[in-house]
């Protein structure tokens, strides 16, 4: 009886340790995803700001092209 109880306690301890490990993994994954999302958001803004002048330049060229072709 006591032996069975000790085995059960040992199994429960192993399960508890495994759950702690899984919780640590999920915490690390969550932190990494949070950092990646922050990085993506920051760099998206930078890329968007870098592309604005290029887009304006293409718009000016296109408008000049339309004006020249219609003249």
Foldseek 3Di string as FASTA:
>chain_A
DVVVVVVVVVVVVVVVVVVVVVVVVVVVVVVVVVVVVVVCVVVVVVVVVVCVVVVVVVVVVVVVVVVVVVD
